[in-house]
Amino acid sequence: MSAVLIAILVLLGLGLAFGILLGYSSIRFKVEGNPLVEQVDGLLPQTQCGQCGHPGCRPYAEAIVNGEAINKCPGRPEHY
């Protein structure tokens, strides 16, 4: 066998092994989200404006669930 073919087969085997390991790890160590964060995030406008001081609506929803004030989003004040 040529050295190039051996190198290709070794890299293919390593790629397959790491792919299987990553796939297993993503299933085994899956982190479930907080359903309350999902509900609050669904109420926010999803405009990613940053006026609340967070980089997006999801981080602001997490902050609201953790006790931060609910008055920082100018997008949908009728929900507050």
N, C-alpha and C. Protein backbone atom coordinates (compact mmCIF):
# COMPACT_ATOMS: atom_id res chain seq x y z
N MET A 1 0.84 -1.19 0.00
CA MET A 1 0.00 0.00 0.00
C MET A 1 0.87 1.24 0.00
N SER A 2 0.38 2.25 -0.64
CA SER A 2 1.18 3.47 -0.68
C SER A 2 0.95 4.26 0.61
N ALA A 3 1.87 5.13 0.92
CA ALA A 3 1.80 5.93 2.14
C ALA A 3 0.61 6.89 2.11
N VAL A 4 0.26 7.36 0.93
CA VAL A 4 -0.87 8.30 0.80
C VAL A 4 -2.18 7.59 1.14
N LEU A 5 -2.35 6.38 0.64
CA LEU A 5 -3.56 5.61 0.91
C LEU A 5 -3.68 5.28 2.40
N ILE A 6 -2.58 4.93 3.01
CA ILE A 6 -2.58 4.65 4.45
C ILE A 6 -2.96 5.90 5.24
N ALA A 7 -2.42 7.03 4.87
CA ALA A 7 -2.74 8.28 5.55
C ALA A 7 -4.21 8.63 5.40
N ILE A 8 -4.76 8.43 4.22
CA ILE A 8 -6.18 8.70 3.97
C ILE A 8 -7.05 7.79 4.83
N LEU A 9 -6.72 6.52 4.88
CA LEU A 9 -7.49 5.57 5.67
C LEU A 9 -7.40 5.88 7.17
N VAL A 10 -6.24 6.27 7.64
CA VAL A 10 -6.08 6.63 9.04
C VAL A 10 -6.92 7.86 9.38
N LEU A 11 -6.87 8.88 8.53
CA LEU A 11 -7.66 10.08 8.77
C LEU A 11 -9.15 9.80 8.68
N LEU A 12 -9.55 8.95 7.77
CA LEU A 12 -10.95 8.56 7.65
C LEU A 12 -11.41 7.83 8.92
N GLY A 13 -10.59 6.94 9.41
CA GLY A 13 -10.91 6.21 10.65
C GLY A 13 -11.00 7.14 11.84
N LEU A 14 -10.06 8.08 11.94
CA LEU A 14 -10.10 9.05 13.05
C LEU A 14 -11.34 9.94 12.97
N GLY A 15 -11.67 10.38 11.77
CA GLY A 15 -12.85 11.21 11.58
C GLY A 15 -14.12 10.47 11.97
N LEU A 16 -14.22 9.22 11.57
CA LEU A 16 -15.37 8.40 11.92
C LEU A 16 -15.45 8.17 13.43
N ALA A 17 -14.32 7.86 14.05
CA ALA A 17 -14.31 7.63 15.50
C ALA A 17 -14.70 8.89 16.28
N PHE A 18 -14.16 10.02 15.89
CA PHE A 18 -14.51 11.26 16.59
C PHE A 18 -15.96 11.67 16.31
N GLY A 19 -16.44 11.40 15.12
CA GLY A 19 -17.84 11.68 14.80
C GLY A 19 -18.79 10.87 15.67
N ILE A 20 -18.48 9.59 15.84
CA ILE A 20 -19.30 8.73 16.70
C ILE A 20 -19.22 9.21 18.14
N LEU A 21 -18.04 9.57 18.60
CA LEU A 21 -17.86 10.06 19.97
C LEU A 21 -18.64 11.35 20.20
N LEU A 22 -18.59 12.28 19.26
CA LEU A 22 -19.33 13.53 19.40
C LEU A 22 -20.84 13.30 19.36
N GLY A 23 -21.29 12.39 18.49
CA GLY A 23 -22.71 12.07 18.42
C GLY A 23 -23.21 11.47 19.72
N TYR A 24 -22.46 10.54 20.27
CA TYR A 24 -22.82 9.93 21.55
C TYR A 24 -22.82 10.97 22.66
N SER A 25 -21.81 11.83 22.68
CA SER A 25 -21.71 12.84 23.73
C SER A 25 -22.87 13.83 23.68
N SER A 26 -23.30 14.20 22.48
CA SER A 26 -24.41 15.15 22.36
C SER A 26 -25.71 14.55 22.87
N ILE A 27 -25.88 13.26 22.75
CA ILE A 27 -27.08 12.60 23.27
C ILE A 27 -26.95 12.36 24.77
N ARG A 28 -25.81 11.88 25.19
CA ARG A 28 -25.60 11.51 26.60
C ARG A 28 -25.60 12.73 27.53
N PHE A 29 -25.03 13.84 27.09
CA PHE A 29 -24.88 15.00 27.95
C PHE A 29 -25.81 16.15 27.56
N LYS A 30 -26.95 15.82 26.95
CA LYS A 30 -27.91 16.83 26.53
C LYS A 30 -28.46 17.57 27.75
N VAL A 31 -28.53 18.89 27.64
CA VAL A 31 -29.04 19.72 28.73
C VAL A 31 -30.43 20.18 28.34
N GLU A 32 -31.39 19.86 29.18
CA GLU A 32 -32.77 20.28 28.92
C GLU A 32 -32.93 21.74 29.30
N GLY A 33 -33.65 22.47 28.49
CA GLY A 33 -33.89 23.88 28.76
C GLY A 33 -35.02 24.07 29.77
N ASN A 34 -35.10 25.26 30.31
CA ASN A 34 -36.15 25.61 31.24
C ASN A 34 -37.41 25.97 30.45
N PRO A 35 -38.53 25.28 30.66
CA PRO A 35 -39.73 25.58 29.88
C PRO A 35 -40.27 26.99 30.14
N LEU A 36 -40.01 27.54 31.31
CA LEU A 36 -40.44 28.90 31.60
C LEU A 36 -39.68 29.91 30.75
N VAL A 37 -38.40 29.66 30.53
CA VAL A 37 -37.60 30.53 29.65
C VAL A 37 -38.17 30.48 28.24
N GLU A 38 -38.58 29.29 27.79
CA GLU A 38 -39.17 29.15 26.46
C GLU A 38 -40.45 29.98 26.34
N GLN A 39 -41.28 29.97 27.37
CA GLN A 39 -42.52 30.73 27.33
C GLN A 39 -42.26 32.23 27.31
N VAL A 40 -41.36 32.69 28.17
CA VAL A 40 -41.04 34.12 28.21
C VAL A 40 -40.41 34.55 26.88
N ASP A 41 -39.52 33.73 26.35
CA ASP A 41 -38.87 34.05 25.08
C ASP A 41 -39.91 34.15 23.96
N GLY A 42 -40.93 33.32 24.01
CA GLY A 42 -41.99 33.38 23.01
C GLY A 42 -42.80 34.66 23.06
N LEU A 43 -42.84 35.31 24.21
CA LEU A 43 -43.57 36.57 24.34
C LEU A 43 -42.77 37.78 23.89
N LEU A 44 -41.47 37.65 23.82
CA LEU A 44 -40.62 38.77 23.43
C LEU A 44 -40.61 38.91 21.90
N PRO A 45 -40.34 40.11 21.38
CA PRO A 45 -40.51 40.38 19.94
C PRO A 45 -39.47 39.74 19.01
N GLN A 46 -38.36 39.24 19.52
CA GLN A 46 -37.33 38.58 18.70
C GLN A 46 -36.71 39.52 17.67
N THR A 47 -36.56 40.79 18.02
CA THR A 47 -35.96 41.73 17.09
C THR A 47 -34.46 41.88 17.30
N GLN A 48 -33.93 41.33 18.40
CA GLN A 48 -32.51 41.38 18.71
C GLN A 48 -31.98 42.81 18.71
N CYS A 49 -32.77 43.73 19.23
CA CYS A 49 -32.41 45.15 19.18
C CYS A 49 -31.33 45.50 20.21
N GLY A 50 -31.28 44.78 21.32
CA GLY A 50 -30.28 45.04 22.34
C GLY A 50 -30.61 46.20 23.27
N GLN A 51 -31.79 46.78 23.15
CA GLN A 51 -32.15 47.92 23.99
C GLN A 51 -32.35 47.53 25.46
N CYS A 52 -32.51 46.24 25.72
CA CYS A 52 -32.68 45.78 27.09
C CYS A 52 -31.34 45.58 27.79
N GLY A 53 -30.26 45.68 27.03
CA GLY A 53 -28.93 45.47 27.59
C GLY A 53 -28.43 44.05 27.43
N HIS A 54 -29.19 43.20 26.77
CA HIS A 54 -28.80 41.82 26.51
C HIS A 54 -28.59 41.63 25.02
N PRO A 55 -27.78 40.65 24.61
CA PRO A 55 -27.48 40.48 23.20
C PRO A 55 -28.64 39.93 22.37
N GLY A 56 -29.72 39.56 23.00
CA GLY A 56 -30.87 39.03 22.27
C GLY A 56 -32.02 38.75 23.21
N CYS A 57 -33.11 38.27 22.64
CA CYS A 57 -34.30 38.01 23.45
C CYS A 57 -34.13 36.79 24.36
N ARG A 58 -33.44 35.77 23.90
CA ARG A 58 -33.26 34.57 24.72
C ARG A 58 -32.49 34.88 26.01
N PRO A 59 -31.35 35.59 25.95
CA PRO A 59 -30.66 35.93 27.21
C PRO A 59 -31.51 36.81 28.13
N TYR A 60 -32.31 37.70 27.56
CA TYR A 60 -33.19 38.53 28.38
C TYR A 60 -34.27 37.68 29.03
N ALA A 61 -34.81 36.72 28.31
CA ALA A 61 -35.81 35.81 28.88
C ALA A 61 -35.21 35.01 30.04
N GLU A 62 -33.97 34.56 29.89
CA GLU A 62 -33.31 33.85 30.99
C GLU A 62 -33.12 34.76 32.19
N ALA A 63 -32.78 36.02 31.94
CA ALA A 63 -32.60 36.98 33.03
C ALA A 63 -33.93 37.26 33.73
N ILE A 64 -35.01 37.35 32.97
CA ILE A 64 -36.33 37.58 33.57
C ILE A 64 -36.70 36.42 34.48
N VAL A 65 -36.49 35.19 34.02
CA VAL A 65 -36.80 34.02 34.83
C VAL A 65 -35.94 34.00 36.09
N ASN A 66 -34.73 34.53 36.01
CA ASN A 66 -33.84 34.58 37.18
C ASN A 66 -34.08 35.79 38.07
N GLY A 67 -35.11 36.60 37.76
CA GLY A 67 -35.49 37.67 38.66
C GLY A 67 -35.24 39.09 38.19
N GLU A 68 -34.72 39.27 36.99
CA GLU A 68 -34.47 40.62 36.50
C GLU A 68 -35.81 41.30 36.15
N ALA A 69 -35.81 42.62 36.16
CA ALA A 69 -37.02 43.39 35.87
C ALA A 69 -37.54 43.07 34.47
N ILE A 70 -38.87 43.14 34.32
CA ILE A 70 -39.51 42.80 33.05
C ILE A 70 -39.83 44.07 32.27
N ASN A 71 -39.22 45.17 32.58
CA ASN A 71 -39.59 46.44 31.96
C ASN A 71 -38.53 47.00 31.01
N LYS A 72 -37.65 46.18 30.51
CA LYS A 72 -36.54 46.69 29.69
C LYS A 72 -36.76 46.53 28.20
N CYS A 73 -37.80 45.82 27.78
CA CYS A 73 -38.02 45.57 26.36
C CYS A 73 -39.05 46.55 25.82
N PRO A 74 -38.66 47.43 24.89
CA PRO A 74 -39.61 48.39 24.34
C PRO A 74 -40.48 47.79 23.23
N GLY A 75 -40.19 46.57 22.83
CA GLY A 75 -40.87 45.98 21.68
C GLY A 75 -42.32 45.63 21.88
N ARG A 76 -42.70 45.10 23.05
CA ARG A 76 -44.08 44.67 23.25
C ARG A 76 -44.52 45.01 24.67
N PRO A 77 -44.70 46.26 25.00
CA PRO A 77 -45.06 46.62 26.36
C PRO A 77 -46.43 46.15 26.77
N GLU A 78 -47.32 45.78 25.84
CA GLU A 78 -48.66 45.35 26.22
C GLU A 78 -48.66 44.02 26.98
N HIS A 79 -47.55 43.27 26.91
CA HIS A 79 -47.47 41.99 27.61
C HIS A 79 -47.02 42.14 29.05
N TYR A 80 -46.62 43.33 29.46
CA TYR A 80 -46.08 43.49 30.79
C TYR A 80 -47.17 43.95 31.68
